[in-house]
């Protein structure tokens, strides 16, 4: 797993844990709309979002999840199935979501369609 994938996966897990309060969730929904395609820049956006002083608890949870993901990767490192010593996340017949899509889908699963329909009404 790449460093970027580990970081984004850790953040998705924290988001899905319900630890992030609703006002911050709204802020994240706005953030993911304008995410860049570049994985490094996405990670920078996440880190900048976490730097807000009131999000210390979320930052701590993120760091713990990231450590757990890295530890699990090291533990499972002997199971190598793909080039570059990477286990594929999907089967060969399934399309692989980009990290941006994974983050966006985790944060905006239902609101994406409601946003599109409200934009069409304008």
PDB file of N, CA and C in Angstrom:
ATOM      1  N   UNK A   1       0.854  -1.171   0.000  1.00  0.00           N
ATOM      2  CA  UNK A   1       0.000   0.000   0.000  1.00  0.00           C
ATOM      3  C   UNK A   1       0.897   1.231   0.000  1.00  0.00           C
ATOM      4  N   UNK A   2       0.563   2.197  -0.830  1.00  0.00           N
ATOM      5  CA  UNK A   2       1.370   3.409  -0.898  1.00  0.00           C
ATOM      6  C   UNK A   2       1.145   4.274   0.344  1.00  0.00           C
ATOM      7  N   UNK A   3       2.053   5.172   0.566  1.00  0.00           N
ATOM      8  CA  UNK A   3       1.944   6.098   1.692  1.00  0.00           C
ATOM      9  C   UNK A   3       0.654   6.904   1.569  1.00  0.00           C
ATOM     10  N   UNK A   4       0.335   7.327   0.361  1.00  0.00           N
ATOM     11  CA  UNK A   4      -0.875   8.125   0.155  1.00  0.00           C
ATOM     12  C   UNK A   4      -2.126   7.309   0.442  1.00  0.00           C
ATOM     13  N   UNK A   5      -2.131   6.075  -0.037  1.00  0.00           N
ATOM     14  CA  UNK A   5      -3.290   5.204   0.207  1.00  0.00           C
ATOM     15  C   UNK A   5      -3.460   4.958   1.702  1.00  0.00           C
ATOM     16  N   UNK A   6      -2.359   4.747   2.418  1.00  0.00           N
ATOM     17  CA  UNK A   6      -2.426   4.546   3.869  1.00  0.00           C
ATOM     18  C   UNK A   6      -3.022   5.763   4.562  1.00  0.00           C
ATOM     19  N   UNK A   7      -2.569   6.949   4.175  1.00  0.00           N
ATOM     20  CA  UNK A   7      -3.073   8.175   4.792  1.00  0.00           C
ATOM     21  C   UNK A   7      -4.558   8.390   4.519  1.00  0.00           C
ATOM     22  N   UNK A   8      -4.945   8.194   3.277  1.00  0.00           N
ATOM     23  CA  UNK A   8      -6.346   8.416   2.924  1.00  0.00           C
ATOM     24  C   UNK A   8      -7.233   7.347   3.544  1.00  0.00           C
ATOM     25  N   UNK A   9      -6.779   6.112   3.576  1.00  0.00           N
ATOM     26  CA  UNK A   9      -7.540   5.029   4.220  1.00  0.00           C
ATOM     27  C   UNK A   9      -7.727   5.317   5.711  1.00  0.00           C
ATOM     28  N   UNK A  10      -6.671   5.788   6.364  1.00  0.00           N
ATOM     29  CA  UNK A  10      -6.766   6.127   7.794  1.00  0.00           C
ATOM     30  C   UNK A  10      -7.797   7.231   8.004  1.00  0.00           C
ATOM     31  N   UNK A  11      -7.784   8.231   7.135  1.00  0.00           N
ATOM     32  CA  UNK A  11      -8.734   9.332   7.279  1.00  0.00           C
ATOM     33  C   UNK A  11     -10.162   8.861   7.035  1.00  0.00           C
ATOM     34  N   UNK A  12     -10.353   8.018   6.035  1.00  0.00           N
ATOM     35  CA  UNK A  12     -11.695   7.474   5.763  1.00  0.00           C
ATOM     36  C   UNK A  12     -12.206   6.697   6.976  1.00  0.00           C
ATOM     37  N   UNK A  13     -11.350   5.892   7.584  1.00  0.00           N
ATOM     38  CA  UNK A  13     -11.757   5.126   8.760  1.00  0.00           C
ATOM     39  C   UNK A  13     -12.153   6.037   9.916  1.00  0.00           C
ATOM     40  N   UNK A  14     -11.412   7.117  10.110  1.00  0.00           N
ATOM     41  CA  UNK A  14     -11.767   8.074  11.168  1.00  0.00           C
ATOM     42  C   UNK A  14     -13.103   8.720  10.843  1.00  0.00           C
ATOM     43  N   UNK A  15     -13.291   9.095   9.596  1.00  0.00           N
ATOM     44  CA  UNK A  15     -14.564   9.709   9.196  1.00  0.00           C
ATOM     45  C   UNK A  15     -15.725   8.750   9.448  1.00  0.00           C
ATOM     46  N   UNK A  16     -15.553   7.507   9.060  1.00  0.00           N
ATOM     47  CA  UNK A  16     -16.623   6.516   9.207  1.00  0.00           C
ATOM     48  C   UNK A  16     -16.862   6.116  10.653  1.00  0.00           C
ATOM     49  N   UNK A  17     -15.933   6.437  11.543  1.00  0.00           N
ATOM     50  CA  UNK A  17     -16.103   6.093  12.958  1.00  0.00           C
ATOM     51  C   UNK A  17     -17.133   6.973  13.646  1.00  0.00           C
ATOM     52  N   UNK A  18     -17.509   8.083  13.019  1.00  0.00           N
ATOM     53  CA  UNK A  18     -18.482   8.987  13.615  1.00  0.00           C
ATOM     54  C   UNK A  18     -17.864   9.986  14.582  1.00  0.00           C
ATOM     55  N   UNK A  19     -16.563  10.051  14.636  1.00  0.00           N
ATOM     56  CA  UNK A  19     -15.863  10.940  15.562  1.00  0.00           C
ATOM     57  C   UNK A  19     -15.922  12.411  15.133  1.00  0.00           C
ATOM     58  N   UNK A  20     -16.093  12.646  13.870  1.00  0.00           N
ATOM     59  CA  UNK A  20     -16.079  14.021  13.352  1.00  0.00           C
ATOM     60  C   UNK A  20     -17.455  14.648  13.535  1.00  0.00           C
ATOM     61  N   UNK A  21     -17.525  15.791  14.240  1.00  0.00           N
ATOM     62  CA  UNK A  21     -18.817  16.451  14.474  1.00  0.00           C
ATOM     63  C   UNK A  21     -19.440  16.973  13.168  1.00  0.00           C
ATOM     64  N   UNK A  22     -20.743  17.133  13.176  1.00  0.00           N
ATOM     65  CA  UNK A  22     -21.488  17.537  11.983  1.00  0.00           C
ATOM     66  C   UNK A  22     -20.964  18.817  11.324  1.00  0.00           C
ATOM     67  N   UNK A  23     -20.660  19.892  12.075  1.00  0.00           N
ATOM     68  CA  UNK A  23     -20.136  21.082  11.390  1.00  0.00           C
ATOM     69  C   UNK A  23     -18.839  20.789  10.611  1.00  0.00           C
ATOM     70  N   UNK A  24     -17.985  19.953  11.165  1.00  0.00           N
ATOM     71  CA  UNK A  24     -16.757  19.584  10.469  1.00  0.00           C
ATOM     72  C   UNK A  24     -17.046  18.661   9.293  1.00  0.00           C
ATOM     73  N   UNK A  25     -18.067  17.831   9.404  1.00  0.00           N
ATOM     74  CA  UNK A  25     -18.456  16.973   8.287  1.00  0.00           C
ATOM     75  C   UNK A  25     -18.927  17.839   7.110  1.00  0.00           C
ATOM     76  N   UNK A  26     -19.671  18.894   7.414  1.00  0.00           N
ATOM     77  CA  UNK A  26     -20.121  19.805   6.366  1.00  0.00           C
ATOM     78  C   UNK A  26     -18.923  20.461   5.679  1.00  0.00           C
ATOM     79  N   UNK A  27     -17.937  20.839   6.479  1.00  0.00           N
ATOM     80  CA  UNK A  27     -16.711  21.428   5.945  1.00  0.00           C
ATOM     81  C   UNK A  27     -16.000  20.440   5.021  1.00  0.00           C
ATOM     82  N   UNK A  28     -15.957  19.173   5.409  1.00  0.00           N
ATOM     83  CA  UNK A  28     -15.321  18.139   4.581  1.00  0.00           C
ATOM     84  C   UNK A  28     -16.072  17.925   3.273  1.00  0.00           C
ATOM     85  N   UNK A  29     -17.394  17.979   3.327  1.00  0.00           N
ATOM     86  CA  UNK A  29     -18.179  17.798   2.105  1.00  0.00           C
ATOM     87  C   UNK A  29     -17.840  18.886   1.083  1.00  0.00           C
ATOM     88  N   UNK A  30     -17.618  20.096   1.581  1.00  0.00           N
ATOM     89  CA  UNK A  30     -17.218  21.189   0.687  1.00  0.00           C
ATOM     90  C   UNK A  30     -15.799  20.958   0.171  1.00  0.00           C
ATOM     91  N   UNK A  31     -14.930  20.463   1.024  1.00  0.00           N
ATOM     92  CA  UNK A  31     -13.531  20.231   0.656  1.00  0.00           C
ATOM     93  C   UNK A  31     -13.398  19.200  -0.453  1.00  0.00           C
ATOM     94  N   UNK A  32     -14.128  18.094  -0.357  1.00  0.00           N
ATOM     95  CA  UNK A  32     -13.964  17.019  -1.338  1.00  0.00           C
ATOM     96  C   UNK A  32     -14.464  17.392  -2.729  1.00  0.00           C
ATOM     97  N   UNK A  33     -15.311  18.392  -2.811  1.00  0.00           N
ATOM     98  CA  UNK A  33     -15.806  18.826  -4.116  1.00  0.00           C
ATOM     99  C   UNK A  33     -14.658  19.349  -4.980  1.00  0.00           C
ATOM    100  N   UNK A  34     -13.679  19.975  -4.350  1.00  0.00           N
ATOM    101  CA  UNK A  34     -12.585  20.595  -5.097  1.00  0.00           C
ATOM    102  C   UNK A  34     -11.241  19.890  -4.915  1.00  0.00           C
ATOM    103  N   UNK A  35     -11.264  18.623  -4.565  1.00  0.00           N
ATOM    104  CA  UNK A  35     -10.005  17.907  -4.373  1.00  0.00           C
ATOM    105  C   UNK A  35      -9.240  17.769  -5.680  1.00  0.00           C
ATOM    106  N   UNK A  36      -7.926  17.907  -5.613  1.00  0.00           N
ATOM    107  CA  UNK A  36      -7.113  17.682  -6.814  1.00  0.00           C
ATOM    108  C   UNK A  36      -7.042  16.189  -7.124  1.00  0.00           C
ATOM    109  N   UNK A  37      -6.563  15.850  -8.309  1.00  0.00           N
ATOM    110  CA  UNK A  37      -6.388  14.442  -8.695  1.00  0.00           C
ATOM    111  C   UNK A  37      -5.117  13.866  -8.089  1.00  0.00           C
ATOM    112  N   UNK A  38      -4.146  14.702  -7.797  1.00  0.00           N
ATOM    113  CA  UNK A  38      -2.843  14.285  -7.299  1.00  0.00           C
ATOM    114  C   UNK A  38      -2.958  13.774  -5.867  1.00  0.00           C
ATOM    115  N   UNK A  39      -2.534  12.529  -5.629  1.00  0.00           N
ATOM    116  CA  UNK A  39      -2.670  11.913  -4.304  1.00  0.00           C
ATOM    117  C   UNK A  39      -1.879  12.649  -3.230  1.00  0.00           C
ATOM    118  N   UNK A  40      -0.706  13.156  -3.575  1.00  0.00           N
ATOM    119  CA  UNK A  40       0.099  13.898  -2.605  1.00  0.00           C
ATOM    120  C   UNK A  40      -0.630  15.167  -2.175  1.00  0.00           C
ATOM    121  N   UNK A  41      -1.259  15.834  -3.124  1.00  0.00           N
ATOM    122  CA  UNK A  41      -1.996  17.063  -2.805  1.00  0.00           C
ATOM    123  C   UNK A  41      -3.252  16.765  -1.994  1.00  0.00           C
ATOM    124  N   UNK A  42      -3.884  15.625  -2.260  1.00  0.00           N
ATOM    125  CA  UNK A  42      -5.047  15.220  -1.460  1.00  0.00           C
ATOM    126  C   UNK A  42      -4.606  15.017  -0.012  1.00  0.00           C
ATOM    127  N   UNK A  43      -3.484  14.349   0.188  1.00  0.00           N
ATOM    128  CA  UNK A  43      -2.966  14.130   1.545  1.00  0.00           C
ATOM    129  C   UNK A  43      -2.621  15.451   2.212  1.00  0.00           C
ATOM    130  N   UNK A  44      -2.084  16.394   1.442  1.00  0.00           N
ATOM    131  CA  UNK A  44      -1.795  17.723   1.986  1.00  0.00           C
ATOM    132  C   UNK A  44      -3.077  18.416   2.436  1.00  0.00           C
ATOM    133  N   UNK A  45      -4.139  18.274   1.644  1.00  0.00           N
ATOM    134  CA  UNK A  45      -5.436  18.872   2.004  1.00  0.00           C
ATOM    135  C   UNK A  45      -5.963  18.269   3.309  1.00  0.00           C
ATOM    136  N   UNK A  46      -5.833  16.961   3.444  1.00  0.00           N
ATOM    137  CA  UNK A  46      -6.277  16.281   4.670  1.00  0.00           C
ATOM    138  C   UNK A  46      -5.472  16.800   5.865  1.00  0.00           C
ATOM    139  N   UNK A  47      -4.151  16.859   5.695  1.00  0.00           N
ATOM    140  CA  UNK A  47      -3.301  17.328   6.793  1.00  0.00           C
ATOM    141  C   UNK A  47      -3.624  18.767   7.173  1.00  0.00           C
ATOM    142  N   UNK A  48      -3.855  19.619   6.189  1.00  0.00           N
ATOM    143  CA  UNK A  48      -4.226  21.005   6.487  1.00  0.00           C
ATOM    144  C   UNK A  48      -5.554  21.077   7.222  1.00  0.00           C
ATOM    145  N   UNK A  49      -6.502  20.237   6.816  1.00  0.00           N
ATOM    146  CA  UNK A  49      -7.811  20.217   7.472  1.00  0.00           C
ATOM    147  C   UNK A  49      -7.663  19.769   8.927  1.00  0.00           C
ATOM    148  N   UNK A  50      -6.793  18.802   9.166  1.00  0.00           N
ATOM    149  CA  UNK A  50      -6.589  18.284  10.523  1.00  0.00           C
ATOM    150  C   UNK A  50      -5.845  19.252  11.435  1.00  0.00           C
ATOM    151  N   UNK A  51      -5.143  20.232  10.868  1.00  0.00           N
ATOM    152  CA  UNK A  51      -4.333  21.159  11.663  1.00  0.00           C
ATOM    153  C   UNK A  51      -5.148  22.166  12.469  1.00  0.00           C
ATOM    154  N   UNK A  52      -6.429  22.306  12.153  1.00  0.00           N
ATOM    155  CA  UNK A  52      -7.273  23.243  12.893  1.00  0.00           C
ATOM    156  C   UNK A  52      -7.301  22.823  14.356  1.00  0.00           C
ATOM    157  N   UNK A  53      -7.076  23.772  15.231  1.00  0.00           N
ATOM    158  CA  UNK A  53      -6.910  23.505  16.660  1.00  0.00           C
ATOM    159  C   UNK A  53      -8.059  22.705  17.273  1.00  0.00           C
ATOM    160  N   UNK A  54      -9.268  22.958  16.836  1.00  0.00           N
ATOM    161  CA  UNK A  54     -10.437  22.283  17.413  1.00  0.00           C
ATOM    162  C   UNK A  54     -10.562  20.825  16.968  1.00  0.00           C
ATOM    163  N   UNK A  55      -9.701  20.388  16.068  1.00  0.00           N
ATOM    164  CA  UNK A  55      -9.788  19.021  15.546  1.00  0.00           C
ATOM    165  C   UNK A  55      -8.710  18.110  16.129  1.00  0.00           C
ATOM    166  N   UNK A  56      -8.183  18.460  17.287  1.00  0.00           N
ATOM    167  CA  UNK A  56      -7.116  17.680  17.912  1.00  0.00           C
ATOM    168  C   UNK A  56      -7.489  16.233  18.167  1.00  0.00           C
ATOM    169  N   UNK A  57      -8.717  16.003  18.594  1.00  0.00           N
ATOM    170  CA  UNK A  57      -9.180  14.639  18.865  1.00  0.00           C
ATOM    171  C   UNK A  57      -9.241  13.813  17.569  1.00  0.00           C
ATOM    172  N   UNK A  58      -9.667  14.461  16.501  1.00  0.00           N
ATOM    173  CA  UNK A  58      -9.737  13.799  15.201  1.00  0.00           C
ATOM    174  C   UNK A  58      -8.322  13.496  14.701  1.00  0.00           C
ATOM    175  N   UNK A  59      -7.412  14.441  14.887  1.00  0.00           N
ATOM    176  CA  UNK A  59      -6.015  14.243  14.490  1.00  0.00           C
ATOM    177  C   UNK A  59      -5.395  13.062  15.232  1.00  0.00           C
ATOM    178  N   UNK A  60      -5.651  12.974  16.524  1.00  0.00           N
ATOM    179  CA  UNK A  60      -5.119  11.862  17.323  1.00  0.00           C
ATOM    180  C   UNK A  60      -5.665  10.527  16.820  1.00  0.00           C
ATOM    181  N   UNK A  61      -6.954  10.472  16.542  1.00  0.00           N
ATOM    182  CA  UNK A  61      -7.562   9.238  16.028  1.00  0.00           C
ATOM    183  C   UNK A  61      -6.979   8.880  14.662  1.00  0.00           C
ATOM    184  N   UNK A  62      -6.768   9.874  13.829  1.00  0.00           N
ATOM    185  CA  UNK A  62      -6.178   9.667  12.501  1.00  0.00           C
ATOM    186  C   UNK A  62      -4.773   9.077  12.627  1.00  0.00           C
ATOM    187  N   UNK A  63      -3.973   9.650  13.511  1.00  0.00           N
ATOM    188  CA  UNK A  63      -2.603   9.157  13.699  1.00  0.00           C
ATOM    189  C   UNK A  63      -2.599   7.724  14.209  1.00  0.00           C
ATOM    190  N   UNK A  64      -3.535   7.399  15.102  1.00  0.00           N
ATOM    191  CA  UNK A  64      -3.632   6.025  15.619  1.00  0.00           C
ATOM    192  C   UNK A  64      -4.043   5.051  14.514  1.00  0.00           C
ATOM    193  N   UNK A  65      -5.021   5.447  13.694  1.00  0.00           N
ATOM    194  CA  UNK A  65      -5.463   4.586  12.580  1.00  0.00           C
ATOM    195  C   UNK A  65      -4.323   4.378  11.595  1.00  0.00           C
ATOM    196  N   UNK A  66      -3.575   5.448  11.316  1.00  0.00           N
ATOM    197  CA  UNK A  66      -2.471   5.354  10.375  1.00  0.00           C
ATOM    198  C   UNK A  66      -1.404   4.387  10.885  1.00  0.00           C
ATOM    199  N   UNK A  67      -1.073   4.485  12.163  1.00  0.00           N
ATOM    200  CA  UNK A  67      -0.102   3.563  12.763  1.00  0.00           C
ATOM    201  C   UNK A  67      -0.596   2.120  12.666  1.00  0.00           C
ATOM    202  N   UNK A  68      -1.881   1.911  12.906  1.00  0.00           N
ATOM    203  CA  UNK A  68      -2.448   0.554  12.839  1.00  0.00           C
ATOM    204  C   UNK A  68      -2.399   0.013  11.413  1.00  0.00           C
ATOM    205  N   UNK A  69      -2.685   0.850  10.442  1.00  0.00           N
ATOM    206  CA  UNK A  69      -2.649   0.421   9.042  1.00  0.00           C
ATOM    207  C   UNK A  69      -1.222   0.049   8.645  1.00  0.00           C
ATOM    208  N   UNK A  70      -0.274   0.881   9.030  1.00  0.00           N
ATOM    209  CA  UNK A  70       1.135   0.618   8.704  1.00  0.00           C
ATOM    210  C   UNK A  70       1.600  -0.671   9.375  1.00  0.00           C
ATOM    211  N   UNK A  71       1.218  -0.872  10.639  1.00  0.00           N
ATOM    212  CA  UNK A  71       1.599  -2.093  11.357  1.00  0.00           C
ATOM    213  C   UNK A  71       0.988  -3.328  10.690  1.00  0.00           C
ATOM    214  N   UNK A  72      -0.265  -3.234  10.279  1.00  0.00           N
ATOM    215  CA  UNK A  72      -0.925  -4.359   9.619  1.00  0.00           C
ATOM    216  C   UNK A  72      -0.259  -4.662   8.277  1.00  0.00           C
ATOM    217  N   UNK A  73       0.139  -3.625   7.579  1.00  0.00           N
ATOM    218  CA  UNK A  73       0.836  -3.822   6.303  1.00  0.00           C
ATOM    219  C   UNK A  73       2.153  -4.553   6.516  1.00  0.00           C
ATOM    220  N   UNK A  74       2.888  -4.150   7.534  1.00  0.00           N
ATOM    221  CA  UNK A  74       4.164  -4.808   7.821  1.00  0.00           C
ATOM    222  C   UNK A  74       3.942  -6.261   8.195  1.00  0.00           C
ATOM    223  N   UNK A  75       2.884  -6.514   8.958  1.00  0.00           N
ATOM    224  CA  UNK A  75       2.554  -7.881   9.385  1.00  0.00           C
ATOM    225  C   UNK A  75       2.200  -8.763   8.195  1.00  0.00           C
ATOM    226  N   UNK A  76       1.482  -8.195   7.245  1.00  0.00           N
ATOM    227  CA  UNK A  76       1.007  -8.960   6.085  1.00  0.00           C
ATOM    228  C   UNK A  76       1.957  -8.876   4.894  1.00  0.00           C
ATOM    229  N   UNK A  77       3.109  -8.304   5.090  1.00  0.00           N
ATOM    230  CA  UNK A  77       4.031  -8.063   3.990  1.00  0.00           C
ATOM    231  C   UNK A  77       4.505  -9.336   3.311  1.00  0.00           C
ATOM    232  N   UNK A  78       4.488 -10.445   4.018  1.00  0.00           N
ATOM    233  CA  UNK A  78       4.956 -11.675   3.395  1.00  0.00           C
ATOM    234  C   UNK A  78       3.971 -12.224   2.371  1.00  0.00           C
ATOM    235  N   UNK A  79       2.734 -11.724   2.356  1.00  0.00           N
ATOM    236  CA  UNK A  79       1.750 -12.159   1.368  1.00  0.00           C
ATOM    237  C   UNK A  79       1.813 -11.173   0.208  1.00  0.00           C
ATOM    238  N   UNK A  80       2.582 -11.495  -0.821  1.00  0.00           N
ATOM    239  CA  UNK A  80       2.787 -10.593  -1.952  1.00  0.00           C
ATOM    240  C   UNK A  80       2.132 -11.201  -3.179  1.00  0.00           C
ATOM    241  N   UNK A  81       1.219 -10.465  -3.773  1.00  0.00           N
ATOM    242  CA  UNK A  81       0.507 -10.991  -4.920  1.00  0.00           C
ATOM    243  C   UNK A  81       0.736 -10.221  -6.210  1.00  0.00           C
ATOM    244  N   UNK A  82       1.218  -9.004  -6.102  1.00  0.00           N
ATOM    245  CA  UNK A  82       1.332  -8.186  -7.298  1.00  0.00           C
ATOM    246  C   UNK A  82       2.705  -7.584  -7.462  1.00  0.00           C
ATOM    247  N   UNK A  83       2.900  -6.887  -8.578  1.00  0.00           N
ATOM    248  CA  UNK A  83       4.182  -6.238  -8.810  1.00  0.00           C
ATOM    249  C   UNK A  83       4.443  -5.171  -7.760  1.00  0.00           C
ATOM    250  N   UNK A  84       5.675  -4.980  -7.416  1.00  0.00           N
ATOM    251  CA  UNK A  84       6.014  -3.975  -6.422  1.00  0.00           C
ATOM    252  C   UNK A  84       5.667  -4.391  -5.015  1.00  0.00           C
ATOM    253  N   UNK A  85       5.454  -5.690  -4.815  1.00  0.00           N
ATOM    254  CA  UNK A  85       5.103  -6.215  -3.490  1.00  0.00           C
ATOM    255  C   UNK A  85       3.817  -5.592  -2.946  1.00  0.00           C
ATOM    256  N   UNK A  86       2.835  -5.423  -3.811  1.00  0.00           N
ATOM    257  CA  UNK A  86       1.553  -4.820  -3.428  1.00  0.00           C
ATOM    258  C   UNK A  86       0.445  -5.828  -3.669  1.00  0.00           C
ATOM    259  N   UNK A  87      -0.418  -5.974  -2.664  1.00  0.00           N
ATOM    260  CA  UNK A  87      -1.603  -6.807  -2.846  1.00  0.00           C
ATOM    261  C   UNK A  87      -2.673  -5.958  -3.499  1.00  0.00           C
ATOM    262  N   UNK A  88      -3.281  -6.432  -4.574  1.00  0.00           N
ATOM    263  CA  UNK A  88      -4.332  -5.639  -5.206  1.00  0.00           C
ATOM    264  C   UNK A  88      -5.544  -5.508  -4.280  1.00  0.00           C
ATOM    265  N   UNK A  89      -6.170  -4.346  -4.308  1.00  0.00           N
ATOM    266  CA  UNK A  89      -7.349  -4.107  -3.481  1.00  0.00           C
ATOM    267  C   UNK A  89      -8.617  -4.631  -4.136  1.00  0.00           C
ATOM    268  N   UNK A  90      -8.568  -4.856  -5.430  1.00  0.00           N
ATOM    269  CA  UNK A  90      -9.732  -5.346  -6.152  1.00  0.00           C
ATOM    270  C   UNK A  90      -9.333  -6.563  -6.963  1.00  0.00           C
ATOM    271  N   UNK A  91     -10.344  -7.307  -7.394  1.00  0.00           N
ATOM    272  CA  UNK A  91     -10.046  -8.436  -8.270  1.00  0.00           C
ATOM    273  C   UNK A  91      -9.704  -7.886  -9.652  1.00  0.00           C
ATOM    274  N   UNK A  92      -9.063  -8.677 -10.495  1.00  0.00           N
ATOM    275  CA  UNK A  92      -8.667  -8.182 -11.814  1.00  0.00           C
ATOM    276  C   UNK A  92      -9.828  -7.689 -12.667  1.00  0.00           C
ATOM    277  N   UNK A  93     -11.032  -8.204 -12.439  1.00  0.00           N
ATOM    278  CA  UNK A  93     -12.185  -7.806 -13.252  1.00  0.00           C
ATOM    279  C   UNK A  93     -12.921  -6.580 -12.725  1.00  0.00           C
ATOM    280  N   UNK A  94     -12.542  -6.075 -11.546  1.00  0.00           N
ATOM    281  CA  UNK A  94     -13.206  -4.914 -10.968  1.00  0.00           C
ATOM    282  C   UNK A  94     -12.375  -3.667 -11.211  1.00  0.00           C
ATOM    283  N   UNK A  95     -13.039  -2.544 -11.545  1.00  0.00           N
ATOM    284  CA  UNK A  95     -12.272  -1.304 -11.695  1.00  0.00           C
ATOM    285  C   UNK A  95     -11.763  -0.841 -10.329  1.00  0.00           C
ATOM    286  N   UNK A  96     -10.600  -0.238 -10.314  1.00  0.00           N
ATOM    287  CA  UNK A  96      -9.996   0.240  -9.081  1.00  0.00           C
ATOM    288  C   UNK A  96     -10.325   1.723  -8.905  1.00  0.00           C
ATOM    289  N   UNK A  97     -11.004   2.047  -7.812  1.00  0.00           N
ATOM    290  CA  UNK A  97     -11.314   3.441  -7.536  1.00  0.00           C
ATOM    291  C   UNK A  97     -10.039   4.218  -7.271  1.00  0.00           C
ATOM    292  N   UNK A  98     -10.006   5.456  -7.715  1.00  0.00           N
ATOM    293  CA  UNK A  98      -8.874   6.299  -7.362  1.00  0.00           C
ATOM    294  C   UNK A  98      -9.016   6.682  -5.892  1.00  0.00           C
ATOM    295  N   UNK A  99      -7.938   7.139  -5.306  1.00  0.00           N
ATOM    296  CA  UNK A  99      -8.001   7.567  -3.903  1.00  0.00           C
ATOM    297  C   UNK A  99      -8.963   8.731  -3.744  1.00  0.00           C
ATOM    298  N   UNK A 100      -8.995   9.618  -4.728  1.00  0.00           N
ATOM    299  CA  UNK A 100      -9.932  10.745  -4.679  1.00  0.00           C
ATOM    300  C   UNK A 100     -11.371  10.230  -4.660  1.00  0.00           C
ATOM    301  N   UNK A 101     -11.674   9.241  -5.499  1.00  0.00           N
ATOM    302  CA  UNK A 101     -13.027   8.681  -5.528  1.00  0.00           C
ATOM    303  C   UNK A 101     -13.371   8.005  -4.211  1.00  0.00           C
ATOM    304  N   UNK A 102     -12.423   7.286  -3.634  1.00  0.00           N
ATOM    305  CA  UNK A 102     -12.679   6.622  -2.359  1.00  0.00           C
ATOM    306  C   UNK A 102     -13.006   7.636  -1.274  1.00  0.00           C
ATOM    307  N   UNK A 103     -12.227   8.695  -1.202  1.00  0.00           N
ATOM    308  CA  UNK A 103     -12.452   9.723  -0.188  1.00  0.00           C
ATOM    309  C   UNK A 103     -13.783  10.430  -0.425  1.00  0.00           C
ATOM    310  N   UNK A 104     -14.041  10.795  -1.658  1.00  0.00           N
ATOM    311  CA  UNK A 104     -15.293  11.479  -1.992  1.00  0.00           C
ATOM    312  C   UNK A 104     -16.495  10.589  -1.687  1.00  0.00           C
ATOM    313  N   UNK A 105     -16.424   9.320  -2.051  1.00  0.00           N
ATOM    314  CA  UNK A 105     -17.539   8.401  -1.802  1.00  0.00           C
ATOM    315  C   UNK A 105     -17.767   8.163  -0.315  1.00  0.00           C
ATOM    316  N   UNK A 106     -16.708   8.181   0.469  1.00  0.00           N
ATOM    317  CA  UNK A 106     -16.853   7.985   1.915  1.00  0.00           C
ATOM    318  C   UNK A 106     -17.508   9.193   2.565  1.00  0.00           C
ATOM    319  N   UNK A 107     -17.174  10.379   2.083  1.00  0.00           N
ATOM    320  CA  UNK A 107     -17.661  11.604   2.721  1.00  0.00           C
ATOM    321  C   UNK A 107     -18.992  12.046   2.137  1.00  0.00           C
ATOM    322  N   UNK A 108     -19.235  11.804   0.871  1.00  0.00           N
ATOM    323  CA  UNK A 108     -20.452  12.269   0.221  1.00  0.00           C
ATOM    324  C   UNK A 108     -21.244  11.144  -0.435  1.00  0.00           C
ATOM    325  N   UNK A 109     -21.519  10.057   0.246  1.00  0.00           N
ATOM    326  CA  UNK A 109     -22.198   8.971  -0.451  1.00  0.00           C
ATOM    327  C   UNK A 109     -23.585   9.335  -0.972  1.00  0.00           C
ATOM    328  N   UNK A 110     -24.368  10.042  -0.196  1.00  0.00           N
ATOM    329  CA  UNK A 110     -25.732  10.369  -0.615  1.00  0.00           C
ATOM    330  C   UNK A 110     -25.848  11.801  -1.099  1.00  0.00           C
ATOM    331  N   UNK A 111     -25.014  12.678  -0.613  1.00  0.00           N
ATOM    332  CA  UNK A 111     -25.172  14.089  -0.935  1.00  0.00           C
ATOM    333  C   UNK A 111     -24.726  14.422  -2.350  1.00  0.00           C
ATOM    334  N   UNK A 112     -23.964  13.560  -3.006  1.00  0.00           N
ATOM    335  CA  UNK A 112     -23.514  13.832  -4.364  1.00  0.00           C
ATOM    336  C   UNK A 112     -24.704  13.958  -5.304  1.00  0.00           C
ATOM    337  N   UNK A 113     -25.647  13.041  -5.215  1.00  0.00           N
ATOM    338  CA  UNK A 113     -26.805  13.092  -6.095  1.00  0.00           C
ATOM    339  C   UNK A 113     -27.711  14.252  -5.751  1.00  0.00           C
ATOM    340  N   UNK A 114     -27.834  14.582  -4.470  1.00  0.00           N
ATOM    341  CA  UNK A 114     -28.693  15.705  -4.102  1.00  0.00           C
ATOM    342  C   UNK A 114     -28.053  17.016  -4.533  1.00  0.00           C
ATOM    343  N   UNK A 115     -26.737  17.124  -4.523  1.00  0.00           N
ATOM    344  CA  UNK A 115     -26.055  18.317  -4.979  1.00  0.00           C
ATOM    345  C   UNK A 115     -26.227  18.486  -6.489  1.00  0.00           C
ATOM    346  N   UNK A 116     -26.132  17.384  -7.220  1.00  0.00           N
ATOM    347  CA  UNK A 116     -26.288  17.462  -8.667  1.00  0.00           C
ATOM    348  C   UNK A 116     -27.694  17.897  -9.045  1.00  0.00           C
ATOM    349  N   UNK A 117     -28.703  17.372  -8.378  1.00  0.00           N
ATOM    350  CA  UNK A 117     -30.072  17.731  -8.714  1.00  0.00           C
ATOM    351  C   UNK A 117     -30.370  19.166  -8.334  1.00  0.00           C
ATOM    352  N   UNK A 118     -29.794  19.676  -7.227  1.00  0.00           N
ATOM    353  CA  UNK A 118     -30.029  21.065  -6.860  1.00  0.00           C
ATOM    354  C   UNK A 118     -29.312  22.013  -7.798  1.00  0.00           C
ATOM    355  N   UNK A 119     -28.164  21.589  -8.352  1.00  0.00           N
ATOM    356  CA  UNK A 119     -27.457  22.417  -9.334  1.00  0.00           C
ATOM    357  C   UNK A 119     -28.233  22.461 -10.633  1.00  0.00           C
ATOM    358  N   UNK A 120     -28.885  21.363 -10.996  1.00  0.00           N
ATOM    359  CA  UNK A 120     -29.662  21.337 -12.232  1.00  0.00           C
ATOM    360  C   UNK A 120     -30.892  22.218 -12.117  1.00  0.00           C
ATOM    361  N   UNK A 121     -31.421  22.393 -10.921  1.00  0.00           N
ATOM    362  CA  UNK A 121     -32.602  23.229 -10.721  1.00  0.00           C
ATOM    363  C   UNK A 121     -32.306  24.698 -10.903  1.00  0.00           C
ATOM    364  N   UNK A 122     -31.038  25.100 -10.754  1.00  0.00           N
ATOM    365  CA  UNK A 122     -30.673  26.518 -10.812  1.00  0.00           C
ATOM    366  C   UNK A 122     -30.644  27.054 -12.212  1.00  0.00           C
TER     367      UNK A 122
END
